[in-house]
C-alpha cells in the first residue's frame, strides 16, 4: 500500500493512524500505570503535579523514580548535604501522598553530578521492567536554555532506558531474576516548550501548589514569593495554548519517533 503513496502528508497520516495506531488526543486513555522520572525530589510535582492528581483520581497508578538525592538544594550554610537529603526524602513522600502517589524509587546519585553512563541506564531499565508501565514521563532534555545538567541528563538517560528496555540482551542479567523485557506504549516529555498534549489543571491548581510547597526546604517564604507567580505563569502559558486557565503541557510521541525521524516535531 505505501509504495503507491506519492504524498508525504498522506503517508504521514496513514503511518500514525493505520500502522502505529497513535492518536495524541487519546494519549492518556486506557492507561493503568505510568512512571514519572525526575531529576530531583520535587520535579514530578512541579512539572506535572496536576496531571498526576488527575491520573490517580482515575485509579491510574503513578510511580516516581527520583534520580538524585537532592543533596545540593540549599543556600543554608548551616545545613549539611546529608541532612538536606534526609529532609528532602520526607518532603517528597509527603508531597507524593497529597497527589495519591504511593511508590517512590530512589537512585540516590549525587545532586548536580548525575552521570550519563550505562550503569545508570541499567538502573532505569530495571525499574521499567519491574513496574511494566504503559507510559513514562520525563523532563524534555531539549528544552532551550535548560542550565541544570541533571535535567538534561535525566531526560536523555530516560529516553535511552525506554528504548533499551525491550531488548533482552541489554542488561540480560535481568532475565535471570525474572525481569522480562518491556515495551512502553508512549513517552511524554514535561518541562517542554513544544507541547502537543495538554491537561486542564484549573480545578487542581491550588492542590498542586500545596504539594509543591510541601517541599519546605526548597520553598521558604522568601523564595515562594518568586516561585508562586512563576509557577502560575507557567500554568497560564500552557493554559493559553489549551484554551483553559491553567494547564500542564507535554510532548507526546510514539516510541518510533524518538529515533532517526526528521518529522517527529510535526505531531
Protein backbone atom coordinates (compact mmCIF):
# COMPACT_ATOMS: atom_id res chain seq x y z
CA UNK A 1 0.00 0.00 0.00
CA UNK A 2 2.70 2.50 0.94
CA UNK A 3 4.55 2.02 -2.34
CA UNK A 4 1.54 3.54 -4.09
CA UNK A 5 1.58 6.72 -1.96
CA UNK A 6 3.26 9.78 -3.51
CA UNK A 7 2.32 12.36 -0.87
CA UNK A 8 4.20 12.76 2.42
CA UNK A 9 1.07 14.16 4.10
CA UNK A 10 -0.95 11.08 3.15
CA UNK A 11 1.84 8.71 4.19
CA UNK A 12 2.36 10.52 7.49
CA UNK A 13 -1.34 10.31 8.33
CA UNK A 14 -1.53 6.61 7.46
CA UNK A 15 1.66 5.87 9.40
CA UNK A 16 0.20 7.40 12.54
CA UNK A 17 -3.35 6.12 12.22
CA UNK A 18 -3.06 2.74 10.49
CA UNK A 19 0.43 1.49 11.26
CA UNK A 20 1.20 2.92 14.69
CA UNK A 21 -2.45 3.42 15.74
CA UNK A 22 -1.35 6.57 17.51
CA UNK A 23 -3.70 9.43 18.41
CA UNK A 24 -2.10 12.11 20.54
CA UNK A 25 -5.50 13.28 21.75
CA UNK A 26 -6.03 9.89 23.40
CA UNK A 27 -2.51 9.56 24.80
CA UNK A 28 -3.54 9.09 28.42
CA UNK A 29 -6.64 6.99 27.82
CA UNK A 30 -6.64 3.31 28.76
CA UNK A 31 -3.53 3.51 30.95
CA UNK A 32 -3.18 1.60 34.20
CA UNK A 33 0.31 2.61 35.32
CA UNK A 34 2.87 5.30 34.49
CA UNK A 35 6.31 6.20 35.79
CA UNK A 36 7.36 9.79 36.31
CA UNK A 37 11.14 10.10 36.19
CA UNK A 38 12.50 13.19 37.94
CA UNK A 39 15.99 14.65 38.35
CA UNK A 40 15.33 15.85 41.92
CA UNK A 41 12.74 15.23 44.64
CA UNK A 42 10.31 17.95 43.52
CA UNK A 43 10.35 17.82 39.73
CA UNK A 44 7.40 15.49 39.19
CA UNK A 45 5.08 17.73 41.21
CA UNK A 46 6.43 20.94 39.65
CA UNK A 47 6.36 19.57 36.11
CA UNK A 48 3.10 17.65 36.21
CA UNK A 49 1.57 17.61 39.70
CA UNK A 50 -1.90 18.43 38.42
CA UNK A 51 -1.80 15.66 35.84
CA UNK A 52 -0.57 13.21 38.46
CA UNK A 53 -3.54 14.02 40.66
CA UNK A 54 -5.94 13.66 37.73
CA UNK A 55 -4.45 10.25 36.93
CA UNK A 56 -4.54 8.89 40.48
CA UNK A 57 -8.14 10.07 40.85
CA UNK A 58 -8.94 7.85 37.84
CA UNK A 59 -7.29 4.89 39.52
CA UNK A 60 -4.08 5.05 37.49
CA UNK A 61 -1.01 4.04 39.48
CA UNK A 62 1.72 6.69 39.31
CA UNK A 63 5.22 5.66 40.35
CA UNK A 64 8.03 8.13 40.96
CA UNK A 65 11.65 7.44 40.05
CA UNK A 66 13.96 10.07 41.56
CA UNK A 67 17.43 10.12 40.08
CA UNK A 68 19.36 12.15 42.67
CA UNK A 69 19.45 12.72 46.41
CA UNK A 70 18.70 16.47 46.49
CA UNK A 71 21.98 16.98 48.37
CA UNK A 72 22.76 20.41 46.90
CA UNK A 73 19.40 22.18 47.03
CA UNK A 74 20.00 24.75 49.75
CA UNK A 75 21.62 28.10 50.43
CA UNK A 76 21.65 27.45 54.19
CA UNK A 77 25.31 27.25 55.18
CA UNK A 78 24.37 25.51 58.43
CA UNK A 79 22.67 22.57 56.72
CA UNK A 80 24.82 19.67 55.55
CA UNK A 81 24.10 17.83 52.35
CA UNK A 82 23.35 14.61 54.23
CA UNK A 83 20.85 16.38 56.46
CA UNK A 84 19.20 18.01 53.47
CA UNK A 85 18.92 14.75 51.57
CA UNK A 86 17.08 13.21 54.53
CA UNK A 87 14.75 16.19 54.78
CA UNK A 88 14.01 16.16 51.06
CA UNK A 89 13.10 12.48 51.11
CA UNK A 90 10.50 13.15 53.80
CA UNK A 91 9.18 16.17 51.91
CA UNK A 92 8.88 14.14 48.72
CA UNK A 93 6.94 11.41 50.49
CA UNK A 94 4.52 13.96 51.97
CA UNK A 95 4.05 15.75 48.65
CA UNK A 96 3.52 12.47 46.81
CA UNK A 97 0.82 11.37 49.26
CA UNK A 98 -1.06 14.60 48.59
CA UNK A 99 -1.25 13.62 44.92
CA UNK A 100 -2.12 9.98 45.50
CA UNK A 101 1.34 8.57 44.74
CA UNK A 102 2.28 5.60 46.91
CA UNK A 103 5.57 4.33 45.48
CA UNK A 104 8.88 6.15 45.03
CA UNK A 105 12.17 4.68 43.80
CA UNK A 106 15.37 6.49 44.77
CA UNK A 107 18.57 6.01 42.79
CA UNK A 108 20.42 8.43 45.09
CA UNK A 109 23.01 9.73 42.66
CA UNK A 110 24.64 12.90 43.91
CA UNK A 111 22.68 16.05 43.12
CA UNK A 112 24.36 18.07 40.30
CA UNK A 113 26.58 15.08 39.41
CA UNK A 114 24.21 12.63 37.70
CA UNK A 115 26.44 10.60 35.36
CA UNK A 116 25.46 9.69 31.83
CA UNK A 117 26.57 6.06 31.92
CA UNK A 118 25.43 2.57 31.04
CA UNK A 119 25.14 1.72 34.72
CA UNK A 120 22.56 4.45 35.35
CA UNK A 121 20.73 3.39 32.22
CA UNK A 122 20.58 -0.16 33.57
CA UNK A 123 19.14 1.13 36.85
CA UNK A 124 16.28 2.77 35.00
CA UNK A 125 15.71 -0.20 32.69
CA UNK A 126 15.47 -2.50 35.71
CA UNK A 127 12.68 -0.39 37.21
CA UNK A 128 10.82 -0.14 33.91
CA UNK A 129 10.98 -3.92 33.55
CA UNK A 130 9.87 -4.43 37.13
CA UNK A 131 6.94 -1.98 37.03
CA UNK A 132 5.91 -2.51 33.39
CA UNK A 133 4.31 0.92 32.92
CA UNK A 134 2.12 1.86 29.99
CA UNK A 135 3.89 5.19 29.73
CA UNK A 136 6.91 7.08 31.01
CA UNK A 137 7.06 10.81 31.79
CA UNK A 138 10.44 12.54 31.78
CA UNK A 139 11.86 16.07 31.52
CA UNK A 140 12.39 17.31 27.99
CA UNK A 141 16.19 17.22 27.52
CA UNK A 142 15.92 19.59 24.55
CA UNK A 143 14.27 22.43 26.49
CA UNK A 144 16.06 25.57 25.29
CA UNK A 145 18.29 27.29 27.83
CA UNK A 146 17.96 24.48 30.40
CA UNK A 147 21.05 25.10 32.53
CA UNK A 148 20.85 22.22 35.01
CA UNK A 149 22.87 19.18 33.87
CA UNK A 150 20.77 16.78 35.97
CA UNK A 151 17.66 17.76 34.00
CA UNK A 152 19.28 17.27 30.61
CA UNK A 153 20.97 14.04 31.67
CA UNK A 154 17.81 12.61 33.23
CA UNK A 155 15.89 13.19 30.01
CA UNK A 156 18.47 11.51 27.83
CA UNK A 157 19.00 8.59 30.23
CA UNK A 158 15.25 8.01 30.49
CA UNK A 159 14.84 8.01 26.71
CA UNK A 160 17.73 5.57 26.42
CA UNK A 161 16.14 3.29 29.02
CA UNK A 162 12.77 3.31 27.27
CA UNK A 163 14.50 2.40 24.01
CA UNK A 164 16.61 -0.39 25.53
CA UNK A 165 14.09 -1.92 27.94
CA UNK A 166 12.56 -4.18 25.22
CA UNK A 167 15.98 -5.57 24.27
CA UNK A 168 16.72 -8.88 26.06
CA UNK A 169 20.47 -8.57 25.53
CA UNK A 170 20.61 -5.21 27.30
CA UNK A 171 21.36 -5.95 30.94
CA UNK A 172 20.47 -9.60 30.33
CA UNK A 173 21.13 -10.38 33.99
CA UNK A 174 17.61 -9.00 34.49
CA UNK A 175 16.30 -12.14 32.81
CA UNK A 176 17.97 -14.27 35.46
CA UNK A 177 16.00 -12.54 38.20
CA UNK A 178 12.70 -12.71 36.35
CA UNK A 179 12.59 -9.20 34.87
CA UNK A 180 11.38 -9.62 31.31
CA UNK A 181 11.90 -7.05 28.54
CA UNK A 182 9.14 -4.45 28.44
CA UNK A 183 7.96 -2.09 25.72
CA UNK A 184 6.50 1.24 26.81
CA UNK A 185 3.47 2.37 24.82
CA UNK A 186 4.17 6.10 24.98
CA UNK A 187 6.69 8.63 26.22
CA UNK A 188 5.65 12.09 27.41
CA UNK A 189 8.07 14.95 27.96
CA UNK A 190 7.25 17.50 30.67
CA UNK A 191 9.11 20.82 31.11
CA UNK A 192 8.71 21.21 27.34
CA UNK A 193 8.42 24.22 25.06
CA UNK A 194 6.90 22.11 22.26
CA UNK A 195 3.76 20.65 23.84
CA UNK A 196 1.25 18.76 21.74
CA UNK A 197 -0.88 17.42 24.60
CA UNK A 198 -2.46 19.38 27.44
CA UNK A 199 -4.18 18.57 30.70
CA UNK A 200 -6.55 21.14 32.18
CA UNK A 201 -5.47 21.52 35.83
CA UNK A 202 -7.55 24.57 36.68
CA UNK A 203 -9.54 22.69 39.31
CA UNK A 204 -6.45 21.18 40.98
CA UNK A 205 -4.02 24.09 40.64
CA UNK A 206 -4.25 25.04 44.31
CA UNK A 207 -3.64 21.43 45.37
CA UNK A 208 -0.64 21.29 43.06
CA UNK A 209 0.79 24.43 44.68
CA UNK A 210 0.24 22.99 48.15
CA UNK A 211 2.01 19.79 47.13
CA UNK A 212 4.93 21.82 45.78
CA UNK A 213 5.04 23.88 48.96
CA UNK A 214 5.35 20.62 50.92
CA UNK A 215 8.97 20.82 49.80
CA UNK A 216 9.58 23.38 52.51
CA UNK A 217 13.36 23.19 52.34
CA UNK A 218 13.12 24.39 48.73
CA UNK A 219 10.37 26.96 49.09
CA UNK A 220 10.64 29.03 52.26
CA UNK A 221 8.55 32.20 52.31
CA UNK A 222 11.11 34.45 50.61
CA UNK A 223 11.65 32.04 47.71
CA UNK A 224 7.93 31.25 47.42
CA UNK A 225 7.26 34.94 46.79
CA UNK A 226 9.06 34.47 43.47
CA UNK A 227 8.14 30.89 42.69
CA UNK A 228 4.37 31.05 43.15
CA UNK A 229 3.99 33.77 40.48
CA UNK A 230 6.42 31.87 38.26
CA UNK A 231 4.51 28.58 38.60
CA UNK A 232 1.18 30.26 37.93
CA UNK A 233 2.67 31.92 34.85
CA UNK A 234 3.90 28.59 33.52
CA UNK A 235 0.43 27.09 34.03
CA UNK A 236 -1.13 30.10 32.30
CA UNK A 237 1.32 29.66 29.40
CA UNK A 238 0.15 26.11 28.79
CA UNK A 239 -3.43 27.08 29.61
CA UNK A 240 -3.46 29.72 26.90
CA UNK A 241 -2.39 27.12 24.35
CA UNK A 242 -5.05 24.71 25.61
CA UNK A 243 -7.88 27.23 25.83
CA UNK A 244 -8.27 26.96 29.62
CA UNK A 245 -6.96 28.93 32.58
CA UNK A 246 -4.31 26.57 33.97
CA UNK A 247 -2.81 23.58 32.17
CA UNK A 248 0.21 21.34 32.01
CA UNK A 249 1.77 20.65 28.63
CA UNK A 250 3.58 17.60 27.32
CA UNK A 251 5.34 16.45 24.20
CA UNK A 252 3.86 13.02 23.49
CA UNK A 253 5.07 10.84 20.63
CA UNK A 254 5.15 7.15 19.67
CA UNK A 255 8.40 5.48 20.61
CA UNK A 256 9.44 5.04 16.98
CA UNK A 257 9.64 8.81 16.54
CA UNK A 258 12.44 9.17 19.10
CA UNK A 259 14.90 7.66 16.62
CA UNK A 260 16.04 8.87 13.17
CA UNK A 261 12.72 10.65 12.48
CA UNK A 262 13.09 14.03 10.71
CA UNK A 263 9.36 14.81 11.03
CA UNK A 264 8.90 13.98 14.72
CA UNK A 265 8.02 17.57 15.58
CA UNK A 266 5.05 17.56 13.19
CA UNK A 267 2.78 15.69 15.60
